[in-house]
N, C-alpha and C. Protein backbone atom coordinates (compact mmCIF):
# COMPACT_ATOMS: atom_id res chain seq x y z
N MET A 1 -18.62 0.15 -105.61
CA MET A 1 -19.79 0.99 -105.47
C MET A 1 -20.95 0.43 -106.31
N LEU A 2 -20.61 0.02 -107.53
CA LEU A 2 -21.63 -0.54 -108.40
C LEU A 2 -22.20 -1.83 -107.80
N LEU A 3 -21.33 -2.60 -107.19
CA LEU A 3 -21.79 -3.83 -106.56
C LEU A 3 -22.72 -3.54 -105.39
N LEU A 4 -22.42 -2.50 -104.63
CA LEU A 4 -23.28 -2.10 -103.52
C LEU A 4 -24.65 -1.63 -104.03
N ASP A 5 -24.67 -0.90 -105.15
CA ASP A 5 -25.94 -0.45 -105.75
C ASP A 5 -26.79 -1.64 -106.21
N VAL A 6 -26.16 -2.64 -106.82
CA VAL A 6 -26.89 -3.82 -107.28
C VAL A 6 -27.45 -4.59 -106.09
N VAL A 7 -26.67 -4.76 -105.03
CA VAL A 7 -27.12 -5.48 -103.84
C VAL A 7 -28.28 -4.73 -103.19
N LEU A 8 -28.15 -3.42 -103.07
CA LEU A 8 -29.23 -2.62 -102.47
C LEU A 8 -30.50 -2.67 -103.35
N TYR A 9 -30.33 -2.63 -104.65
CA TYR A 9 -31.48 -2.67 -105.56
C TYR A 9 -32.25 -3.97 -105.39
N PHE A 10 -31.52 -5.10 -105.45
CA PHE A 10 -32.20 -6.39 -105.34
C PHE A 10 -32.53 -6.76 -103.90
N GLY A 11 -31.82 -6.23 -102.95
CA GLY A 11 -32.04 -6.57 -101.54
C GLY A 11 -33.10 -5.71 -100.87
N MET A 12 -33.22 -4.44 -101.27
CA MET A 12 -34.13 -3.54 -100.57
C MET A 12 -35.23 -2.99 -101.48
N PHE A 13 -34.84 -2.48 -102.63
CA PHE A 13 -35.81 -1.79 -103.47
C PHE A 13 -36.85 -2.74 -104.06
N ARG A 14 -36.45 -3.88 -104.61
CA ARG A 14 -37.38 -4.82 -105.23
C ARG A 14 -38.38 -5.39 -104.22
N PRO A 15 -37.97 -5.86 -103.04
CA PRO A 15 -38.96 -6.36 -102.07
C PRO A 15 -39.90 -5.25 -101.58
N THR A 16 -39.36 -4.05 -101.42
CA THR A 16 -40.20 -2.93 -101.00
C THR A 16 -41.21 -2.57 -102.09
N GLN A 17 -40.78 -2.60 -103.32
CA GLN A 17 -41.67 -2.31 -104.44
C GLN A 17 -42.77 -3.38 -104.53
N ALA A 18 -42.44 -4.65 -104.38
CA ALA A 18 -43.42 -5.73 -104.42
C ALA A 18 -44.43 -5.59 -103.26
N LEU A 19 -43.91 -5.24 -102.07
CA LEU A 19 -44.78 -5.04 -100.91
C LEU A 19 -45.73 -3.87 -101.15
N PHE A 20 -45.21 -2.79 -101.70
CA PHE A 20 -46.04 -1.61 -102.00
C PHE A 20 -47.10 -1.95 -103.05
N SER A 21 -46.74 -2.68 -104.07
CA SER A 21 -47.69 -3.07 -105.11
C SER A 21 -48.79 -3.95 -104.53
N SER A 22 -48.45 -4.89 -103.68
CA SER A 22 -49.43 -5.76 -103.04
C SER A 22 -50.38 -4.94 -102.16
N GLU A 23 -49.84 -4.03 -101.37
CA GLU A 23 -50.67 -3.17 -100.51
C GLU A 23 -51.57 -2.27 -101.35
N ASP A 24 -51.06 -1.79 -102.47
CA ASP A 24 -51.85 -0.94 -103.35
C ASP A 24 -53.03 -1.73 -103.94
N GLN A 25 -52.81 -2.97 -104.33
CA GLN A 25 -53.89 -3.80 -104.86
C GLN A 25 -54.94 -4.10 -103.78
N GLN A 26 -54.50 -4.36 -102.57
CA GLN A 26 -55.44 -4.60 -101.47
C GLN A 26 -56.27 -3.35 -101.18
N PHE A 27 -55.62 -2.20 -101.21
CA PHE A 27 -56.32 -0.94 -100.97
C PHE A 27 -57.37 -0.69 -102.06
N ALA A 28 -57.02 -0.94 -103.33
CA ALA A 28 -57.97 -0.75 -104.43
C ALA A 28 -59.15 -1.72 -104.30
N ALA A 29 -58.87 -2.96 -103.92
CA ALA A 29 -59.95 -3.94 -103.75
C ALA A 29 -60.86 -3.54 -102.60
N LEU A 30 -60.29 -3.03 -101.53
CA LEU A 30 -61.08 -2.57 -100.39
C LEU A 30 -61.95 -1.37 -100.77
N ARG A 31 -61.41 -0.44 -101.52
CA ARG A 31 -62.19 0.73 -101.98
C ARG A 31 -63.33 0.29 -102.88
N ARG A 32 -63.06 -0.66 -103.77
CA ARG A 32 -64.10 -1.16 -104.66
C ARG A 32 -65.21 -1.85 -103.86
N ARG A 33 -64.83 -2.63 -102.84
CA ARG A 33 -65.83 -3.30 -102.00
C ARG A 33 -66.66 -2.29 -101.19
N ILE A 34 -66.01 -1.26 -100.69
CA ILE A 34 -66.72 -0.21 -99.94
C ILE A 34 -67.70 0.50 -100.87
N PHE A 35 -67.28 0.82 -102.08
CA PHE A 35 -68.18 1.48 -103.04
C PHE A 35 -69.38 0.60 -103.36
N ASP A 36 -69.15 -0.71 -103.60
CA ASP A 36 -70.24 -1.63 -103.89
C ASP A 36 -71.22 -1.72 -102.71
N GLU A 37 -70.69 -1.73 -101.50
CA GLU A 37 -71.55 -1.80 -100.32
C GLU A 37 -72.34 -0.50 -100.14
N GLU A 38 -71.74 0.64 -100.46
CA GLU A 38 -72.47 1.91 -100.37
C GLU A 38 -73.62 1.95 -101.38
N VAL A 39 -73.38 1.45 -102.58
CA VAL A 39 -74.45 1.37 -103.59
C VAL A 39 -75.54 0.44 -103.11
N ARG A 40 -75.17 -0.68 -102.53
CA ARG A 40 -76.16 -1.63 -102.01
C ARG A 40 -76.97 -1.02 -100.87
N ILE A 41 -76.31 -0.30 -99.97
CA ILE A 41 -77.01 0.36 -98.87
C ILE A 41 -77.99 1.39 -99.41
N GLU A 42 -77.59 2.15 -100.41
CA GLU A 42 -78.48 3.15 -101.00
C GLU A 42 -79.70 2.48 -101.64
N ARG A 43 -79.48 1.39 -102.35
CA ARG A 43 -80.59 0.68 -102.98
C ARG A 43 -81.55 0.10 -101.93
N LEU A 44 -81.01 -0.46 -100.85
CA LEU A 44 -81.85 -1.01 -99.79
C LEU A 44 -82.60 0.09 -99.04
N THR A 45 -81.99 1.24 -98.89
CA THR A 45 -82.66 2.38 -98.25
C THR A 45 -83.85 2.83 -99.09
N LYS A 46 -83.66 2.90 -100.40
CA LYS A 46 -84.77 3.27 -101.29
C LYS A 46 -85.88 2.22 -101.22
N LEU A 47 -85.50 0.95 -101.21
CA LEU A 47 -86.48 -0.13 -101.12
C LEU A 47 -87.25 -0.05 -99.80
N ARG A 48 -86.55 0.22 -98.74
CA ARG A 48 -87.19 0.34 -97.42
C ARG A 48 -88.18 1.50 -97.39
N ALA A 49 -87.85 2.58 -98.08
CA ALA A 49 -88.74 3.74 -98.11
C ALA A 49 -90.02 3.44 -98.89
N THR A 50 -89.95 2.53 -99.88
CA THR A 50 -91.13 2.21 -100.69
C THR A 50 -91.97 1.08 -100.10
N LEU A 51 -91.51 0.44 -99.04
CA LEU A 51 -92.25 -0.69 -98.47
C LEU A 51 -93.66 -0.32 -98.00
N PRO A 52 -93.87 0.78 -97.31
CA PRO A 52 -95.25 1.10 -96.90
C PRO A 52 -96.19 1.26 -98.10
N GLU A 53 -95.71 1.93 -99.14
CA GLU A 53 -96.53 2.11 -100.34
C GLU A 53 -96.79 0.78 -101.03
N THR A 54 -95.79 -0.07 -101.07
CA THR A 54 -95.94 -1.39 -101.67
C THR A 54 -96.96 -2.22 -100.89
N GLY A 55 -96.92 -2.13 -99.58
CA GLY A 55 -97.89 -2.85 -98.75
C GLY A 55 -99.31 -2.37 -99.02
N LYS A 56 -99.47 -1.06 -99.17
CA LYS A 56 -100.80 -0.52 -99.49
C LYS A 56 -101.26 -0.99 -100.86
N ASN A 57 -100.35 -1.01 -101.84
CA ASN A 57 -100.70 -1.47 -103.19
C ASN A 57 -101.08 -2.95 -103.19
N LEU A 58 -100.36 -3.75 -102.42
CA LEU A 58 -100.68 -5.17 -102.33
C LEU A 58 -102.04 -5.38 -101.68
N ALA A 59 -102.33 -4.61 -100.64
CA ALA A 59 -103.64 -4.71 -99.99
C ALA A 59 -104.75 -4.29 -100.95
N ALA A 60 -104.50 -3.25 -101.74
CA ALA A 60 -105.49 -2.81 -102.72
C ALA A 60 -105.70 -3.87 -103.80
N LEU A 61 -104.63 -4.51 -104.24
CA LEU A 61 -104.74 -5.58 -105.23
C LEU A 61 -105.59 -6.72 -104.69
N GLU A 62 -105.31 -7.13 -103.46
CA GLU A 62 -106.10 -8.20 -102.86
C GLU A 62 -107.56 -7.80 -102.71
N ARG A 63 -107.81 -6.58 -102.31
CA ARG A 63 -109.17 -6.11 -102.06
C ARG A 63 -109.96 -5.96 -103.36
N GLU A 64 -109.32 -5.44 -104.41
CA GLU A 64 -110.04 -5.10 -105.63
C GLU A 64 -110.06 -6.21 -106.69
N HIS A 65 -109.09 -7.11 -106.68
CA HIS A 65 -108.96 -8.06 -107.79
C HIS A 65 -109.02 -9.53 -107.38
N THR A 66 -109.14 -9.81 -106.11
CA THR A 66 -109.24 -11.21 -105.69
C THR A 66 -110.50 -11.39 -104.84
N PRO A 67 -111.41 -12.23 -105.29
CA PRO A 67 -112.63 -12.45 -104.52
C PRO A 67 -112.34 -13.28 -103.27
N PRO A 68 -113.17 -13.15 -102.25
CA PRO A 68 -113.02 -14.02 -101.08
C PRO A 68 -113.33 -15.47 -101.44
N ARG A 69 -112.76 -16.38 -100.70
CA ARG A 69 -112.92 -17.81 -101.00
C ARG A 69 -114.38 -18.23 -101.00
N ARG A 70 -115.18 -17.70 -100.10
CA ARG A 70 -116.57 -18.13 -100.00
C ARG A 70 -117.39 -17.73 -101.22
N GLN A 71 -116.91 -16.74 -101.99
CA GLN A 71 -117.61 -16.30 -103.20
C GLN A 71 -116.90 -16.73 -104.48
N ALA A 72 -115.84 -17.49 -104.35
CA ALA A 72 -114.96 -17.79 -105.49
C ALA A 72 -115.66 -18.54 -106.61
N PHE A 73 -116.38 -19.59 -106.28
CA PHE A 73 -116.99 -20.41 -107.32
C PHE A 73 -118.07 -19.64 -108.08
N SER A 74 -118.88 -18.89 -107.36
CA SER A 74 -119.93 -18.12 -108.05
C SER A 74 -119.32 -17.00 -108.88
N GLN A 75 -118.28 -16.36 -108.39
CA GLN A 75 -117.63 -15.31 -109.19
C GLN A 75 -116.91 -15.88 -110.40
N ALA A 76 -116.29 -17.04 -110.24
CA ALA A 76 -115.62 -17.69 -111.38
C ALA A 76 -116.64 -18.07 -112.44
N LYS A 77 -117.78 -18.61 -112.00
CA LYS A 77 -118.84 -18.98 -112.94
C LYS A 77 -119.35 -17.74 -113.67
N GLY A 78 -119.57 -16.67 -112.94
CA GLY A 78 -120.03 -15.42 -113.56
C GLY A 78 -119.01 -14.84 -114.53
N LEU A 79 -117.73 -14.92 -114.16
CA LEU A 79 -116.67 -14.42 -115.04
C LEU A 79 -116.64 -15.21 -116.34
N VAL A 80 -116.67 -16.54 -116.24
CA VAL A 80 -116.61 -17.38 -117.45
C VAL A 80 -117.84 -17.11 -118.31
N ARG A 81 -119.00 -17.06 -117.71
CA ARG A 81 -120.24 -16.82 -118.47
C ARG A 81 -120.19 -15.46 -119.17
N ARG A 82 -119.71 -14.43 -118.46
CA ARG A 82 -119.63 -13.08 -119.04
C ARG A 82 -118.65 -13.03 -120.22
N VAL A 83 -117.49 -13.67 -120.07
CA VAL A 83 -116.48 -13.66 -121.13
C VAL A 83 -116.95 -14.48 -122.33
N VAL A 84 -117.64 -15.59 -122.09
CA VAL A 84 -118.19 -16.40 -123.19
C VAL A 84 -119.19 -15.58 -123.98
N GLU A 85 -120.09 -14.88 -123.29
CA GLU A 85 -121.10 -14.07 -123.98
C GLU A 85 -120.46 -12.94 -124.78
N GLN A 86 -119.46 -12.29 -124.22
CA GLN A 86 -118.82 -11.16 -124.90
C GLN A 86 -117.99 -11.61 -126.09
N SER A 87 -117.44 -12.80 -126.04
CA SER A 87 -116.55 -13.25 -127.12
C SER A 87 -117.29 -13.92 -128.26
N GLY A 88 -118.48 -14.40 -128.02
CA GLY A 88 -119.23 -15.09 -129.07
C GLY A 88 -118.88 -16.55 -129.20
N THR A 89 -118.29 -17.15 -128.18
CA THR A 89 -117.99 -18.57 -128.19
C THR A 89 -119.11 -19.34 -127.50
N GLN A 90 -119.03 -20.66 -127.58
CA GLN A 90 -120.00 -21.51 -126.90
C GLN A 90 -119.26 -22.32 -125.85
N LEU A 91 -119.78 -22.29 -124.64
CA LEU A 91 -119.15 -23.00 -123.53
C LEU A 91 -119.47 -24.49 -123.62
N ALA A 92 -118.43 -25.33 -123.66
CA ALA A 92 -118.62 -26.78 -123.71
C ALA A 92 -118.58 -27.35 -122.29
N SER A 93 -117.58 -26.96 -121.49
CA SER A 93 -117.49 -27.45 -120.11
C SER A 93 -116.57 -26.56 -119.30
N VAL A 94 -116.77 -26.60 -117.99
CA VAL A 94 -115.91 -25.88 -117.05
C VAL A 94 -115.67 -26.80 -115.86
N ALA A 95 -114.44 -26.85 -115.40
CA ALA A 95 -114.11 -27.61 -114.20
C ALA A 95 -113.34 -26.70 -113.25
N TYR A 96 -113.62 -26.83 -111.97
CA TYR A 96 -112.97 -26.02 -110.94
C TYR A 96 -112.25 -26.95 -109.98
N LYS A 97 -111.09 -26.51 -109.50
CA LYS A 97 -110.37 -27.27 -108.48
C LYS A 97 -109.69 -26.29 -107.54
N LEU A 98 -110.10 -26.31 -106.29
CA LEU A 98 -109.54 -25.43 -105.28
C LEU A 98 -108.23 -26.00 -104.78
N ASP A 99 -107.19 -25.21 -104.80
CA ASP A 99 -105.87 -25.63 -104.30
C ASP A 99 -105.80 -25.24 -102.82
N ASN A 100 -105.81 -26.23 -101.94
CA ASN A 100 -105.80 -25.97 -100.50
C ASN A 100 -104.40 -25.77 -99.95
N ASN A 101 -103.37 -25.96 -100.75
CA ASN A 101 -101.99 -25.79 -100.31
C ASN A 101 -101.55 -24.36 -100.57
N THR A 102 -101.92 -23.46 -99.69
CA THR A 102 -101.53 -22.06 -99.88
C THR A 102 -100.17 -21.82 -99.25
N SER A 103 -99.29 -21.18 -100.00
CA SER A 103 -97.96 -20.87 -99.48
C SER A 103 -97.75 -19.36 -99.40
N GLY A 104 -98.78 -18.61 -99.70
CA GLY A 104 -98.66 -17.16 -99.66
C GLY A 104 -99.97 -16.54 -99.24
N PRO A 105 -100.13 -15.27 -99.53
CA PRO A 105 -101.35 -14.58 -99.08
C PRO A 105 -102.58 -14.89 -99.94
N LEU A 106 -102.39 -15.51 -101.10
CA LEU A 106 -103.51 -15.79 -101.99
C LEU A 106 -103.67 -17.29 -102.19
N GLN A 107 -104.88 -17.70 -102.50
CA GLN A 107 -105.19 -19.10 -102.77
C GLN A 107 -105.61 -19.22 -104.24
N ARG A 108 -105.36 -20.39 -104.84
CA ARG A 108 -105.67 -20.59 -106.26
C ARG A 108 -106.91 -21.45 -106.43
N LEU A 109 -107.73 -21.04 -107.40
CA LEU A 109 -108.84 -21.86 -107.85
C LEU A 109 -108.53 -22.21 -109.29
N GLY A 110 -108.22 -23.49 -109.52
CA GLY A 110 -107.88 -23.94 -110.87
C GLY A 110 -109.11 -23.97 -111.76
N LEU A 111 -108.95 -23.51 -112.99
CA LEU A 111 -110.03 -23.50 -113.97
C LEU A 111 -109.58 -24.29 -115.20
N VAL A 112 -110.45 -25.18 -115.67
CA VAL A 112 -110.24 -25.86 -116.95
C VAL A 112 -111.50 -25.57 -117.75
N ILE A 113 -111.35 -24.77 -118.81
CA ILE A 113 -112.50 -24.29 -119.59
C ILE A 113 -112.37 -24.80 -121.01
N ASN A 114 -113.45 -25.38 -121.54
CA ASN A 114 -113.52 -25.82 -122.92
C ASN A 114 -114.61 -25.01 -123.62
N VAL A 115 -114.21 -24.31 -124.69
CA VAL A 115 -115.16 -23.52 -125.48
C VAL A 115 -114.98 -23.86 -126.95
N GLU A 116 -116.02 -23.55 -127.73
CA GLU A 116 -115.98 -23.77 -129.18
C GLU A 116 -116.39 -22.50 -129.88
N GLY A 117 -115.84 -22.33 -131.09
CA GLY A 117 -116.20 -21.16 -131.88
C GLY A 117 -115.15 -20.88 -132.93
N PRO A 118 -115.32 -19.80 -133.68
CA PRO A 118 -114.32 -19.42 -134.68
C PRO A 118 -113.06 -18.86 -134.00
N PHE A 119 -111.96 -18.85 -134.75
CA PHE A 119 -110.67 -18.43 -134.20
C PHE A 119 -110.70 -17.02 -133.59
N PRO A 120 -111.26 -16.00 -134.28
CA PRO A 120 -111.28 -14.67 -133.66
C PRO A 120 -112.03 -14.64 -132.33
N ALA A 121 -113.09 -15.44 -132.23
CA ALA A 121 -113.84 -15.51 -130.97
C ALA A 121 -113.00 -16.16 -129.87
N MET A 122 -112.20 -17.15 -130.24
CA MET A 122 -111.32 -17.81 -129.27
C MET A 122 -110.30 -16.82 -128.71
N MET A 123 -109.72 -16.03 -129.61
CA MET A 123 -108.74 -15.05 -129.16
C MET A 123 -109.41 -13.97 -128.29
N LYS A 124 -110.61 -13.60 -128.64
CA LYS A 124 -111.35 -12.62 -127.84
C LYS A 124 -111.67 -13.21 -126.46
N PHE A 125 -111.98 -14.51 -126.41
CA PHE A 125 -112.25 -15.18 -125.14
C PHE A 125 -111.01 -15.17 -124.25
N ALA A 126 -109.86 -15.58 -124.80
CA ALA A 126 -108.62 -15.61 -124.03
C ALA A 126 -108.24 -14.21 -123.57
N HIS A 127 -108.40 -13.24 -124.45
CA HIS A 127 -108.09 -11.85 -124.09
C HIS A 127 -109.03 -11.35 -123.00
N GLY A 128 -110.29 -11.74 -123.08
CA GLY A 128 -111.26 -11.34 -122.06
C GLY A 128 -110.90 -11.88 -120.68
N LEU A 129 -110.38 -13.11 -120.63
CA LEU A 129 -109.95 -13.65 -119.33
C LEU A 129 -108.71 -12.95 -118.81
N GLU A 130 -107.78 -12.67 -119.72
CA GLU A 130 -106.54 -12.01 -119.29
C GLU A 130 -106.78 -10.61 -118.78
N THR A 131 -107.73 -9.91 -119.35
CA THR A 131 -107.96 -8.51 -118.98
C THR A 131 -109.12 -8.34 -118.01
N ALA A 132 -109.62 -9.42 -117.46
CA ALA A 132 -110.72 -9.34 -116.50
C ALA A 132 -110.27 -8.61 -115.24
N ASN A 133 -111.23 -8.08 -114.52
CA ASN A 133 -110.93 -7.36 -113.28
C ASN A 133 -110.38 -8.31 -112.22
N GLU A 134 -110.77 -9.57 -112.26
CA GLU A 134 -110.27 -10.56 -111.33
C GLU A 134 -108.85 -10.95 -111.73
N LEU A 135 -108.10 -11.41 -110.76
CA LEU A 135 -106.70 -11.80 -111.02
C LEU A 135 -106.69 -13.24 -111.55
N VAL A 136 -106.58 -13.37 -112.87
CA VAL A 136 -106.58 -14.67 -113.54
C VAL A 136 -105.25 -14.83 -114.28
N MET A 137 -104.63 -16.00 -114.11
CA MET A 137 -103.41 -16.29 -114.84
C MET A 137 -103.67 -17.51 -115.72
N ILE A 138 -103.47 -17.35 -117.02
CA ILE A 138 -103.63 -18.45 -117.96
C ILE A 138 -102.32 -19.23 -118.01
N ARG A 139 -102.40 -20.51 -117.68
CA ARG A 139 -101.20 -21.35 -117.65
C ARG A 139 -100.98 -22.12 -118.94
N ASN A 140 -102.07 -22.51 -119.62
CA ASN A 140 -101.94 -23.35 -120.79
C ASN A 140 -103.22 -23.25 -121.61
N PHE A 141 -103.09 -23.37 -122.92
CA PHE A 141 -104.28 -23.50 -123.76
C PHE A 141 -103.93 -24.28 -125.01
N ASN A 142 -104.93 -25.03 -125.51
CA ASN A 142 -104.77 -25.84 -126.71
C ASN A 142 -105.92 -25.56 -127.65
N LEU A 143 -105.62 -25.42 -128.92
CA LEU A 143 -106.64 -25.28 -129.94
C LEU A 143 -106.72 -26.59 -130.71
N VAL A 144 -107.95 -27.09 -130.92
CA VAL A 144 -108.15 -28.32 -131.69
C VAL A 144 -109.27 -28.07 -132.69
N LEU A 145 -109.23 -28.79 -133.79
CA LEU A 145 -110.28 -28.67 -134.79
C LEU A 145 -111.48 -29.49 -134.33
N GLY A 146 -112.62 -28.82 -134.24
CA GLY A 146 -113.84 -29.47 -133.76
C GLY A 146 -114.80 -29.78 -134.89
N ASP A 147 -116.03 -30.01 -134.53
CA ASP A 147 -117.08 -30.34 -135.49
C ASP A 147 -117.51 -29.08 -136.25
N ASN A 148 -118.02 -29.29 -137.45
CA ASN A 148 -118.58 -28.22 -138.29
C ASN A 148 -117.59 -27.10 -138.59
N GLY A 149 -116.32 -27.40 -138.61
CA GLY A 149 -115.31 -26.40 -138.95
C GLY A 149 -115.02 -25.43 -137.81
N LEU A 150 -115.61 -25.62 -136.65
CA LEU A 150 -115.34 -24.76 -135.50
C LEU A 150 -114.10 -25.26 -134.78
N LEU A 151 -113.47 -24.35 -134.09
CA LEU A 151 -112.31 -24.72 -133.28
C LEU A 151 -112.75 -24.97 -131.85
N GLY A 152 -112.00 -25.82 -131.19
CA GLY A 152 -112.21 -26.04 -129.76
C GLY A 152 -111.01 -25.50 -129.01
N LEU A 153 -111.25 -24.83 -127.91
CA LEU A 153 -110.19 -24.27 -127.09
C LEU A 153 -110.29 -24.88 -125.70
N ARG A 154 -109.17 -25.45 -125.24
CA ARG A 154 -109.08 -25.95 -123.86
C ARG A 154 -108.11 -25.03 -123.15
N LEU A 155 -108.61 -24.31 -122.18
CA LEU A 155 -107.82 -23.31 -121.48
C LEU A 155 -107.68 -23.71 -120.02
N VAL A 156 -106.45 -23.71 -119.51
CA VAL A 156 -106.18 -24.03 -118.11
C VAL A 156 -105.62 -22.76 -117.46
N GLY A 157 -106.22 -22.37 -116.36
CA GLY A 157 -105.78 -21.16 -115.69
C GLY A 157 -106.06 -21.21 -114.21
N ASP A 158 -105.68 -20.14 -113.54
CA ASP A 158 -105.89 -20.01 -112.09
C ASP A 158 -106.56 -18.68 -111.81
N LEU A 159 -107.56 -18.72 -110.95
CA LEU A 159 -108.20 -17.52 -110.43
C LEU A 159 -107.68 -17.40 -108.99
N TYR A 160 -107.11 -16.28 -108.66
CA TYR A 160 -106.56 -16.09 -107.33
C TYR A 160 -107.58 -15.50 -106.39
N LEU A 161 -107.62 -16.03 -105.15
CA LEU A 161 -108.62 -15.64 -104.17
C LEU A 161 -107.94 -15.30 -102.84
N THR A 162 -108.68 -14.61 -102.02
CA THR A 162 -108.22 -14.40 -100.65
C THR A 162 -108.79 -15.52 -99.79
N PRO A 163 -107.95 -16.19 -99.01
CA PRO A 163 -108.44 -17.32 -98.19
C PRO A 163 -109.42 -16.87 -97.11
């Protein structure tokens, strides 16, 4: 009888237990995947609901903060002149380069600006460009010691325009 119990235990119960354990792990993995997909569906549904509002916000950003290409150079010149006057720096040079390789809805007008003045005025100048109503991104700037104890600032940035 004991021998029959041992044979049945190792012949039937152990393989059945291993099969049940394997099926249980597959079921848990499937439930976890279903839960993850439900969370993803919920997140995508929320994103889809906000798309019209996002489109309106993007259109407003383009309309209010990016000048049209035909007015870009004059607006960039006016912006630089206004920020120079407000900051108390002296404009040494400005260079513009239009990037014709547009890969999105906006086009870039590269700006290379050289100004001179005391350090607080330089920081006020950079802050004035960053907080301007136009969409300007500062990519790089260098401070160098200039003549008469004044600092020189070379600022490289992009003004975004509508093509």
